[in-house]
Amino acid sequence: LAYRAWRSQSGEIRRLRDERLQEAEEQRWAQARRVYIDIDVFHGTR
């Protein structure tokens, strides 16, 4: 029973850690994803 409880607790800790890492990664990219570049091309009059 102690082993089962440890496995369950370890799984929950890993899940929470993975969620925190994913949230941190999303926050890391969040602002940059709202920046963009567009272009206007003028082919010239020669």
All heavy atoms as atom14 arrays in JSON, in Angstrom:
{
  "sequence": "LAYRAWRSQSGEIRRLRDERLQEAEEQRWAQARRVYIDIDVFHGTR",
  "atom14_mask": [
    [1, 1, 1, 1, 1, 1, 1, 1, 0, 0, 0, 0, 0, 0],
    [1, 1, 1, 1, 1, 0, 0, 0, 0, 0, 0, 0, 0, 0],
    [1, 1, 1, 1, 1, 1, 1, 1, 1, 1, 1, 1, 0, 0],
    [1, 1, 1, 1, 1, 1, 1, 1, 1, 1, 1, 0, 0, 0],
    [1, 1, 1, 1, 1, 0, 0, 0, 0, 0, 0, 0, 0, 0],
    [1, 1, 1, 1, 1, 1, 1, 1, 1, 1, 1, 1, 1, 1],
    [1, 1, 1, 1, 1, 1, 1, 1, 1, 1, 1, 0, 0, 0],
    [1, 1, 1, 1, 1, 1, 0, 0, 0, 0, 0, 0, 0, 0],
    [1, 1, 1, 1, 1, 1, 1, 1, 1, 0, 0, 0, 0, 0],
    [1, 1, 1, 1, 1, 1, 0, 0, 0, 0, 0, 0, 0, 0],
    [1, 1, 1, 1, 0, 0, 0, 0, 0, 0, 0, 0, 0, 0],
    [1, 1, 1, 1, 1, 1, 1, 1, 1, 0, 0, 0, 0, 0],
    [1, 1, 1, 1, 1, 1, 1, 1, 0, 0, 0, 0, 0, 0],
    [1, 1, 1, 1, 1, 1, 1, 1, 1, 1, 1, 0, 0, 0],
    [1, 1, 1, 1, 1, 1, 1, 1, 1, 1, 1, 0, 0, 0],
    [1, 1, 1, 1, 1, 1, 1, 1, 0, 0, 0, 0, 0, 0],
    [1, 1, 1, 1, 1, 1, 1, 1, 1, 1, 1, 0, 0, 0],
    [1, 1, 1, 1, 1, 1, 1, 1, 0, 0, 0, 0, 0, 0],
    [1, 1, 1, 1, 1, 1, 1, 1, 1, 0, 0, 0, 0, 0],
    [1, 1, 1, 1, 1, 1, 1, 1, 1, 1, 1, 0, 0, 0],
    [1, 1, 1, 1, 1, 1, 1, 1, 0, 0, 0, 0, 0, 0],
    [1, 1, 1, 1, 1, 1, 1, 1, 1, 0, 0, 0, 0, 0],
    [1, 1, 1, 1, 1, 1, 1, 1, 1, 0, 0, 0, 0, 0],
    [1, 1, 1, 1, 1, 0, 0, 0, 0, 0, 0, 0, 0, 0],
    [1, 1, 1, 1, 1, 1, 1, 1, 1, 0, 0, 0, 0, 0],
    [1, 1, 1, 1, 1, 1, 1, 1, 1, 0, 0, 0, 0, 0],
    [1, 1, 1, 1, 1, 1, 1, 1, 1, 0, 0, 0, 0, 0],
    [1, 1, 1, 1, 1, 1, 1, 1, 1, 1, 1, 0, 0, 0],
    [1, 1, 1, 1, 1, 1, 1, 1, 1, 1, 1, 1, 1, 1],
    [1, 1, 1, 1, 1, 0, 0, 0, 0, 0, 0, 0, 0, 0],
    [1, 1, 1, 1, 1, 1, 1, 1, 1, 0, 0, 0, 0, 0],
    [1, 1, 1, 1, 1, 0, 0, 0, 0, 0, 0, 0, 0, 0],
    [1, 1, 1, 1, 1, 1, 1, 1, 1, 1, 1, 0, 0, 0],
    [1, 1, 1, 1, 1, 1, 1, 1, 1, 1, 1, 0, 0, 0],
    [1, 1, 1, 1, 1, 1, 1, 0, 0, 0, 0, 0, 0, 0],
    [1, 1, 1, 1, 1, 1, 1, 1, 1, 1, 1, 1, 0, 0],
    [1, 1, 1, 1, 1, 1, 1, 1, 0, 0, 0, 0, 0, 0],
    [1, 1, 1, 1, 1, 1, 1, 1, 0, 0, 0, 0, 0, 0],
    [1, 1, 1, 1, 1, 1, 1, 1, 0, 0, 0, 0, 0, 0],
    [1, 1, 1, 1, 1, 1, 1, 1, 0, 0, 0, 0, 0, 0],
    [1, 1, 1, 1, 1, 1, 1, 0, 0, 0, 0, 0, 0, 0],
    [1, 1, 1, 1, 1, 1, 1, 1, 1, 1, 1, 0, 0, 0],
    [1, 1, 1, 1, 1, 1, 1, 1, 1, 1, 0, 0, 0, 0],
    [1, 1, 1, 1, 0, 0, 0, 0, 0, 0, 0, 0, 0, 0],
    [1, 1, 1, 1, 1, 1, 1, 0, 0, 0, 0, 0, 0, 0],
    [1, 1, 1, 1, 1, 1, 1, 1, 1, 1, 1, 0, 0, 0]
  ],
  "atom14_positions": [
    [[0.82, -1.21, 0.0], [0.0, 0.0, 0.0], [0.86, 1.26, 0.0], [0.54, 2.26, -0.67], [-0.93, 0.0, 1.21], [-2.06, -1.04, 1.19], [-2.81, -1.02, 2.52], [-3.01, -0.77, 0.03], [0.0, 0.0, 0.0], [0.0, 0.0, 0.0], [0.0, 0.0, 0.0], [0.0, 0.0, 0.0], [0.0, 0.0, 0.0], [0.0, 0.0, 0.0]],
    [[1.96, 1.23, 0.76], [2.86, 2.37, 0.78], [3.49, 2.6, -0.59], [3.64, 3.74, -1.05], [3.95, 2.17, 1.83], [0.0, 0.0, 0.0], [0.0, 0.0, 0.0], [0.0, 0.0, 0.0], [0.0, 0.0, 0.0], [0.0, 0.0, 0.0], [0.0, 0.0, 0.0], [0.0, 0.0, 0.0], [0.0, 0.0, 0.0], [0.0, 0.0, 0.0]],
    [[3.84, 1.49, -1.27], [4.42, 1.59, -2.6], [3.41, 2.19, -3.59], [3.74, 3.07, -4.4], [4.87, 0.22, -3.08], [5.33, 0.2, -4.52], [6.55, 0.74, -4.89], [4.52, -0.37, -5.51], [6.96, 0.74, -6.22], [4.93, -0.39, -6.83], [6.15, 0.17, -7.18], [6.55, 0.15, -8.48], [0.0, 0.0, 0.0], [0.0, 0.0, 0.0]],
    [[2.14, 1.7, -3.5], [1.1, 2.25, -4.37], [0.9, 3.74, -4.12], [0.75, 4.53, -5.07], [-0.22, 1.5, -4.12], [-0.27, 0.08, -4.67], [-0.4, 0.1, -6.19], [-1.59, 0.83, -6.62], [-2.8, 0.27, -6.76], [-2.96, -1.04, -6.49], [-3.82, 0.98, -7.18], [0.0, 0.0, 0.0], [0.0, 0.0, 0.0], [0.0, 0.0, 0.0]],
    [[0.9, 4.13, -2.86], [0.73, 5.55, -2.52], [1.9, 6.37, -3.05], [1.73, 7.47, -3.57], [0.6, 5.71, -1.01], [0.0, 0.0, 0.0], [0.0, 0.0, 0.0], [0.0, 0.0, 0.0], [0.0, 0.0, 0.0], [0.0, 0.0, 0.0], [0.0, 0.0, 0.0], [0.0, 0.0, 0.0], [0.0, 0.0, 0.0], [0.0, 0.0, 0.0]],
    [[3.11, 5.81, -2.93], [4.3, 6.52, -3.42], [4.25, 6.69, -4.93], [4.55, 7.75, -5.46], [5.56, 5.75, -3.02], [6.81, 6.34, -3.59], [7.5, 7.42, -3.15], [7.5, 5.86, -4.76], [8.59, 7.66, -3.96], [8.61, 6.72, -4.95], [7.3, 4.79, -5.63], [9.51, 6.53, -6.0], [8.18, 4.61, -6.68], [9.28, 5.49, -6.84]],
    [[3.83, 5.6, -5.64], [3.72, 5.67, -7.09], [2.7, 6.73, -7.5], [2.93, 7.52, -8.41], [3.32, 4.31, -7.65], [4.43, 3.28, -7.69], [5.46, 3.61, -8.77], [4.84, 3.68, -10.09], [4.68, 2.64, -10.89], [5.13, 1.43, -10.52], [4.14, 2.78, -12.07], [0.0, 0.0, 0.0], [0.0, 0.0, 0.0], [0.0, 0.0, 0.0]],
    [[1.58, 6.73, -6.79], [0.52, 7.69, -7.11], [0.99, 9.12, -6.86], [0.77, 10.02, -7.67], [-0.73, 7.38, -6.29], [-1.73, 8.34, -6.53], [0.0, 0.0, 0.0], [0.0, 0.0, 0.0], [0.0, 0.0, 0.0], [0.0, 0.0, 0.0], [0.0, 0.0, 0.0], [0.0, 0.0, 0.0], [0.0, 0.0, 0.0], [0.0, 0.0, 0.0]],
    [[1.66, 9.3, -5.72], [2.15, 10.64, -5.38], [3.23, 11.09, -6.36], [3.25, 12.24, -6.8], [2.69, 10.64, -3.95], [3.1, 12.03, -3.46], [3.59, 11.99, -2.02], [4.14, 11.0, -1.57], [3.4, 13.08, -1.31], [0.0, 0.0, 0.0], [0.0, 0.0, 0.0], [0.0, 0.0, 0.0], [0.0, 0.0, 0.0], [0.0, 0.0, 0.0]],
    [[4.12, 10.18, -6.74], [5.18, 10.52, -7.7], [4.59, 10.89, -9.04], [5.03, 11.84, -9.7], [6.14, 9.34, -7.86], [6.8, 9.05, -6.64], [0.0, 0.0, 0.0], [0.0, 0.0, 0.0], [0.0, 0.0, 0.0], [0.0, 0.0, 0.0], [0.0, 0.0, 0.0], [0.0, 0.0, 0.0], [0.0, 0.0, 0.0], [0.0, 0.0, 0.0]],
    [[3.55, 10.15, -9.47], [2.89, 10.47, -10.73], [2.24, 11.83, -10.69], [2.31, 12.6, -11.67], [0.0, 0.0, 0.0], [0.0, 0.0, 0.0], [0.0, 0.0, 0.0], [0.0, 0.0, 0.0], [0.0, 0.0, 0.0], [0.0, 0.0, 0.0], [0.0, 0.0, 0.0], [0.0, 0.0, 0.0], [0.0, 0.0, 0.0], [0.0, 0.0, 0.0]],
    [[1.63, 12.16, -9.57], [0.98, 13.47, -9.43], [2.03, 14.58, -9.43], [1.82, 15.64, -10.06], [0.18, 13.5, -8.13], [-0.58, 14.81, -7.9], [-1.7, 15.03, -8.89], [-2.06, 14.08, -9.61], [-2.21, 16.17, -8.95], [0.0, 0.0, 0.0], [0.0, 0.0, 0.0], [0.0, 0.0, 0.0], [0.0, 0.0, 0.0], [0.0, 0.0, 0.0]],
    [[3.16, 14.34, -8.76], [4.22, 15.34, -8.73], [4.76, 15.56, -10.14], [4.98, 16.71, -10.56], [5.35, 14.9, -7.77], [4.85, 14.96, -6.32], [6.58, 15.77, -7.96], [5.82, 14.39, -5.32], [0.0, 0.0, 0.0], [0.0, 0.0, 0.0], [0.0, 0.0, 0.0], [0.0, 0.0, 0.0], [0.0, 0.0, 0.0], [0.0, 0.0, 0.0]],
    [[4.98, 14.47, -10.89], [5.46, 14.61, -12.26], [4.46, 15.36, -13.13], [4.84, 16.21, -13.95], [5.75, 13.23, -12.86], [7.06, 12.61, -12.4], [7.46, 11.46, -13.29], [6.45, 10.41, -13.31], [6.41, 9.39, -12.44], [7.32, 9.3, -11.49], [5.47, 8.48, -12.53], [0.0, 0.0, 0.0], [0.0, 0.0, 0.0], [0.0, 0.0, 0.0]],
    [[3.18, 15.05, -12.95], [2.14, 15.72, -13.74], [2.13, 17.22, -13.47], [2.07, 18.04, -14.38], [0.77, 15.12, -13.45], [-0.35, 15.67, -14.32], [-1.69, 15.11, -13.91], [-2.08, 15.56, -12.58], [-2.63, 16.75, -12.34], [-2.83, 17.61, -13.31], [-2.97, 17.09, -11.11], [0.0, 0.0, 0.0], [0.0, 0.0, 0.0], [0.0, 0.0, 0.0]],
    [[2.19, 17.59, -12.16], [2.19, 19.0, -11.8], [3.44, 19.7, -12.31], [3.39, 20.84, -12.79], [2.09, 19.15, -10.28], [0.75, 18.72, -9.65], [0.84, 18.77, -8.13], [-0.39, 19.6, -10.15], [0.0, 0.0, 0.0], [0.0, 0.0, 0.0], [0.0, 0.0, 0.0], [0.0, 0.0, 0.0], [0.0, 0.0, 0.0], [0.0, 0.0, 0.0]],
    [[4.58, 19.0, -12.24], [5.82, 19.58, -12.73], [5.74, 19.8, -14.24], [6.14, 20.86, -14.74], [6.99, 18.65, -12.42], [8.35, 19.2, -12.86], [9.4, 18.11, -12.83], [9.05, 17.04, -13.75], [9.61, 15.83, -13.74], [10.53, 15.55, -12.84], [9.24, 14.91, -14.61], [0.0, 0.0, 0.0], [0.0, 0.0, 0.0], [0.0, 0.0, 0.0]],
    [[5.22, 18.82, -14.98], [5.09, 18.95, -16.43], [4.14, 20.09, -16.8], [4.38, 20.82, -17.77], [4.6, 17.64, -17.05], [5.64, 16.53, -16.96], [6.82, 16.84, -16.7], [5.27, 15.36, -17.13], [0.0, 0.0, 0.0], [0.0, 0.0, 0.0], [0.0, 0.0, 0.0], [0.0, 0.0, 0.0], [0.0, 0.0, 0.0], [0.0, 0.0, 0.0]],
    [[3.07, 20.22, -16.03], [2.12, 21.32, -16.29], [2.78, 22.67, -16.08], [2.58, 23.6, -16.87], [0.89, 21.18, -15.39], [-0.07, 20.07, -15.81], [-1.28, 20.01, -14.91], [-1.34, 20.79, -13.92], [-2.18, 19.19, -15.18], [0.0, 0.0, 0.0], [0.0, 0.0, 0.0], [0.0, 0.0, 0.0], [0.0, 0.0, 0.0], [0.0, 0.0, 0.0]],
    [[3.57, 22.78, -15.0], [4.26, 24.04, -14.72], [5.27, 24.36, -15.82], [5.41, 25.52, -16.25], [4.94, 23.99, -13.35], [3.98, 24.13, -12.17], [4.73, 24.46, -10.9], [5.62, 23.38, -10.52], [5.28, 22.39, -9.7], [4.06, 22.35, -9.18], [6.15, 21.45, -9.39], [0.0, 0.0, 0.0], [0.0, 0.0, 0.0], [0.0, 0.0, 0.0]],
    [[5.99, 23.34, -16.28], [6.97, 23.55, -17.35], [6.27, 23.98, -18.64], [6.75, 24.86, -19.35], [7.77, 22.26, -17.59], [8.78, 21.88, -16.51], [9.4, 20.52, -16.81], [9.87, 22.94, -16.39], [0.0, 0.0, 0.0], [0.0, 0.0, 0.0], [0.0, 0.0, 0.0], [0.0, 0.0, 0.0], [0.0, 0.0, 0.0], [0.0, 0.0, 0.0]],
    [[5.12, 23.35, -18.92], [4.37, 23.72, -20.12], [3.85, 25.15, -20.02], [3.92, 25.91, -20.99], [3.22, 22.74, -20.34], [2.44, 23.01, -21.62], [1.36, 21.99, -21.86], [1.21, 21.03, -21.11], [0.59, 22.18, -22.91], [0.0, 0.0, 0.0], [0.0, 0.0, 0.0], [0.0, 0.0, 0.0], [0.0, 0.0, 0.0], [0.0, 0.0, 0.0]],
    [[3.34, 25.52, -18.85], [2.85, 26.89, -18.66], [3.98, 27.89, -18.8], [3.82, 28.95, -19.42], [2.2, 27.02, -17.28], [0.87, 26.31, -17.15], [0.32, 26.35, -15.74], [0.98, 26.97, -14.87], [-0.76, 25.78, -15.5], [0.0, 0.0, 0.0], [0.0, 0.0, 0.0], [0.0, 0.0, 0.0], [0.0, 0.0, 0.0], [0.0, 0.0, 0.0]],
    [[5.15, 27.55, -18.23], [6.3, 28.45, -18.33], [6.73, 28.61, -19.78], [7.08, 29.7, -20.23], [7.45, 27.93, -17.48], [0.0, 0.0, 0.0], [0.0, 0.0, 0.0], [0.0, 0.0, 0.0], [0.0, 0.0, 0.0], [0.0, 0.0, 0.0], [0.0, 0.0, 0.0], [0.0, 0.0, 0.0], [0.0, 0.0, 0.0], [0.0, 0.0, 0.0]],
    [[6.71, 27.51, -20.54], [7.1, 27.57, -21.95], [6.1, 28.4, -22.76], [6.49, 29.19, -23.63], [7.2, 26.15, -22.53], [7.7, 26.06, -23.95], [9.17, 26.45, -24.09], [9.85, 26.67, -23.06], [9.64, 26.55, -25.22], [0.0, 0.0, 0.0], [0.0, 0.0, 0.0], [0.0, 0.0, 0.0], [0.0, 0.0, 0.0], [0.0, 0.0, 0.0]],
    [[4.82, 28.23, -22.45], [3.79, 29.01, -23.15], [3.94, 30.5, -22.83], [3.81, 31.36, -23.73], [2.4, 28.52, -22.77], [2.06, 27.15, -23.36], [0.73, 26.62, -22.87], [0.12, 27.28, -22.0], [0.29, 25.56, -23.36], [0.0, 0.0, 0.0], [0.0, 0.0, 0.0], [0.0, 0.0, 0.0], [0.0, 0.0, 0.0], [0.0, 0.0, 0.0]],
    [[4.23, 30.81, -21.57], [4.44, 32.21, -21.19], [5.68, 32.78, -21.87], [5.72, 33.95, -22.26], [4.56, 32.34, -19.67], [3.25, 32.09, -18.93], [3.43, 32.09, -17.43], [4.52, 32.29, -16.93], [2.35, 31.84, -16.71], [0.0, 0.0, 0.0], [0.0, 0.0, 0.0], [0.0, 0.0, 0.0], [0.0, 0.0, 0.0], [0.0, 0.0, 0.0]],
    [[6.69, 31.93, -22.02], [7.94, 32.36, -22.67], [7.68, 32.8, -24.11], [8.28, 33.76, -24.6], [8.94, 31.2, -22.63], [10.25, 31.46, -23.35], [11.21, 30.31, -23.1], [12.44, 30.47, -23.86], [12.78, 29.74, -24.92], [11.96, 28.8, -25.33], [13.91, 29.94, -25.56], [0.0, 0.0, 0.0], [0.0, 0.0, 0.0], [0.0, 0.0, 0.0]],
    [[6.77, 32.1, -24.8], [6.49, 32.4, -26.2], [5.32, 33.36, -26.37], [5.1, 33.87, -27.47], [6.18, 31.11, -26.95], [7.38, 30.25, -27.2], [8.04, 29.47, -26.29], [8.06, 30.06, -28.44], [9.08, 28.81, -26.87], [9.12, 29.14, -28.2], [7.87, 30.55, -29.73], [9.99, 28.74, -29.2], [8.73, 30.13, -30.73], [9.77, 29.24, -30.47]],
    [[4.55, 33.61, -25.3], [3.27, 34.31, -25.43], [3.42, 35.68, -26.08], [2.7, 36.01, -27.03], [2.61, 34.44, -24.07], [0.0, 0.0, 0.0], [0.0, 0.0, 0.0], [0.0, 0.0, 0.0], [0.0, 0.0, 0.0], [0.0, 0.0, 0.0], [0.0, 0.0, 0.0], [0.0, 0.0, 0.0], [0.0, 0.0, 0.0], [0.0, 0.0, 0.0]],
    [[4.32, 36.53, -25.58], [4.44, 37.87, -26.14], [5.01, 37.82, -27.55], [4.51, 38.51, -28.46], [5.33, 38.76, -25.27], [5.4, 40.2, -25.82], [6.37, 41.09, -25.08], [7.18, 40.63, -24.27], [6.3, 42.38, -25.34], [0.0, 0.0, 0.0], [0.0, 0.0, 0.0], [0.0, 0.0, 0.0], [0.0, 0.0, 0.0], [0.0, 0.0, 0.0]],
    [[6.03, 37.01, -27.77], [6.68, 36.96, -29.08], [5.71, 36.53, -30.18], [5.82, 36.99, -31.33], [7.87, 36.01, -29.03], [0.0, 0.0, 0.0], [0.0, 0.0, 0.0], [0.0, 0.0, 0.0], [0.0, 0.0, 0.0], [0.0, 0.0, 0.0], [0.0, 0.0, 0.0], [0.0, 0.0, 0.0], [0.0, 0.0, 0.0], [0.0, 0.0, 0.0]],
    [[4.75, 35.67, -29.83], [3.8, 35.2, -30.84], [2.84, 36.3, -31.3], [2.14, 36.11, -32.29], [3.0, 34.03, -30.28], [3.8, 32.72, -30.25], [2.95, 31.57, -29.8], [3.67, 30.3, -29.87], [3.71, 29.41, -28.91], [3.06, 29.63, -27.78], [4.38, 28.29, -29.06], [0.0, 0.0, 0.0], [0.0, 0.0, 0.0], [0.0, 0.0, 0.0]],
    [[2.82, 37.41, -30.59], [1.94, 38.51, -30.96], [2.7, 39.63, -31.69], [2.2, 40.74, -31.82], [1.22, 39.05, -29.72], [0.31, 38.0, -29.06], [-0.42, 38.56, -27.86], [-1.35, 39.61, -28.24], [-2.56, 39.41, -28.73], [-3.0, 38.18, -28.93], [-3.34, 40.43, -29.03], [0.0, 0.0, 0.0], [0.0, 0.0, 0.0], [0.0, 0.0, 0.0]],
    [[3.89, 39.3, -32.14], [4.68, 40.21, -32.95], [4.77, 39.61, -34.35], [4.98, 38.42, -34.51], [6.09, 40.4, -32.36], [6.94, 41.28, -33.26], [5.99, 40.99, -30.96], [0.0, 0.0, 0.0], [0.0, 0.0, 0.0], [0.0, 0.0, 0.0], [0.0, 0.0, 0.0], [0.0, 0.0, 0.0], [0.0, 0.0, 0.0], [0.0, 0.0, 0.0]],
    [[4.6, 40.45, -35.36], [4.7, 39.92, -36.73], [5.22, 40.99, -37.67], [5.26, 42.19, -37.34], [3.35, 39.38, -37.22], [2.23, 40.4, -37.31], [1.92, 41.01, -38.53], [1.47, 40.75, -36.19], [0.9, 41.93, -38.63], [0.44, 41.68, -36.29], [0.16, 42.26, -37.51], [-0.86, 43.18, -37.6], [0.0, 0.0, 0.0], [0.0, 0.0, 0.0]],
    [[5.64, 40.55, -38.84], [6.19, 41.44, -39.86], [5.42, 41.22, -41.16], [5.13, 40.07, -41.52], [7.7, 41.18, -40.05], [8.25, 42.01, -41.22], [8.01, 39.71, -40.26], [9.77, 41.91, -41.39], [0.0, 0.0, 0.0], [0.0, 0.0, 0.0], [0.0, 0.0, 0.0], [0.0, 0.0, 0.0], [0.0, 0.0, 0.0], [0.0, 0.0, 0.0]],
    [[5.05, 42.3, -41.82], [4.51, 42.17, -43.17], [5.29, 43.06, -44.12], [6.04, 43.96, -43.7], [3.0, 42.45, -43.23], [2.63, 43.85, -42.79], [3.47, 44.77, -42.93], [1.51, 44.05, -42.29], [0.0, 0.0, 0.0], [0.0, 0.0, 0.0], [0.0, 0.0, 0.0], [0.0, 0.0, 0.0], [0.0, 0.0, 0.0], [0.0, 0.0, 0.0]],
    [[5.15, 42.79, -45.39], [5.96, 43.5, -46.39], [5.08, 44.03, -47.51], [4.03, 43.45, -47.83], [7.07, 42.6, -46.97], [6.48, 41.35, -47.61], [8.08, 42.22, -45.91], [7.5, 40.48, -48.31], [0.0, 0.0, 0.0], [0.0, 0.0, 0.0], [0.0, 0.0, 0.0], [0.0, 0.0, 0.0], [0.0, 0.0, 0.0], [0.0, 0.0, 0.0]],
    [[5.53, 45.13, -48.08], [4.89, 45.73, -49.26], [5.97, 45.87, -50.32], [7.02, 46.49, -50.07], [4.29, 47.09, -48.9], [3.55, 47.71, -50.08], [2.88, 46.98, -50.81], [3.68, 48.93, -50.27], [0.0, 0.0, 0.0], [0.0, 0.0, 0.0], [0.0, 0.0, 0.0], [0.0, 0.0, 0.0], [0.0, 0.0, 0.0], [0.0, 0.0, 0.0]],
    [[5.74, 45.28, -51.47], [6.75, 45.22, -52.52], [6.41, 46.22, -53.63], [5.3, 46.23, -54.15], [6.85, 43.8, -53.12], [7.92, 43.76, -54.21], [7.16, 42.79, -52.03], [0.0, 0.0, 0.0], [0.0, 0.0, 0.0], [0.0, 0.0, 0.0], [0.0, 0.0, 0.0], [0.0, 0.0, 0.0], [0.0, 0.0, 0.0], [0.0, 0.0, 0.0]],
    [[7.39, 47.07, -53.94], [7.26, 47.98, -55.07], [8.25, 47.53, -56.13], [9.47, 47.51, -55.9], [7.57, 49.42, -54.63], [7.55, 50.41, -55.75], [6.36, 50.78, -56.35], [8.74, 50.97, -56.22], [6.35, 51.7, -57.4], [8.74, 51.89, -57.26], [7.53, 52.25, -57.85], [0.0, 0.0, 0.0], [0.0, 0.0, 0.0], [0.0, 0.0, 0.0]],
    [[7.74, 47.15, -57.3], [8.6, 46.53, -58.32], [9.38, 47.55, -59.14], [10.18, 47.15, -59.98], [7.75, 45.64, -59.23], [7.27, 44.4, -58.54], [8.03, 43.25, -58.44], [6.12, 44.15, -57.86], [7.36, 42.33, -57.77], [6.2, 42.85, -57.41], [0.0, 0.0, 0.0], [0.0, 0.0, 0.0], [0.0, 0.0, 0.0], [0.0, 0.0, 0.0]],
    [[9.15, 48.82, -58.92], [9.93, 49.84, -59.6], [9.26, 50.34, -60.87], [8.4, 49.69, -61.45], [0.0, 0.0, 0.0], [0.0, 0.0, 0.0], [0.0, 0.0, 0.0], [0.0, 0.0, 0.0], [0.0, 0.0, 0.0], [0.0, 0.0, 0.0], [0.0, 0.0, 0.0], [0.0, 0.0, 0.0], [0.0, 0.0, 0.0], [0.0, 0.0, 0.0]],
    [[9.67, 51.55, -61.27], [9.21, 52.13, -62.53], [10.45, 52.61, -63.26], [11.01, 53.67, -62.95], [8.26, 53.33, -62.29], [8.9, 54.27, -61.42], [6.97, 52.86, -61.65], [0.0, 0.0, 0.0], [0.0, 0.0, 0.0], [0.0, 0.0, 0.0], [0.0, 0.0, 0.0], [0.0, 0.0, 0.0], [0.0, 0.0, 0.0], [0.0, 0.0, 0.0]],
    [[10.91, 51.8, -64.19], [12.16, 52.1, -64.88], [11.94, 52.17, -66.38], [11.2, 51.37, -66.95], [13.2, 51.02, -64.58], [13.81, 51.15, -63.18], [14.82, 50.04, -62.98], [15.5, 50.21, -61.71], [16.07, 49.21, -61.05], [16.01, 48.0, -61.51], [16.7, 49.43, -59.91], [0.0, 0.0, 0.0], [0.0, 0.0, 0.0], [0.0, 0.0, 0.0]]
  ]
}
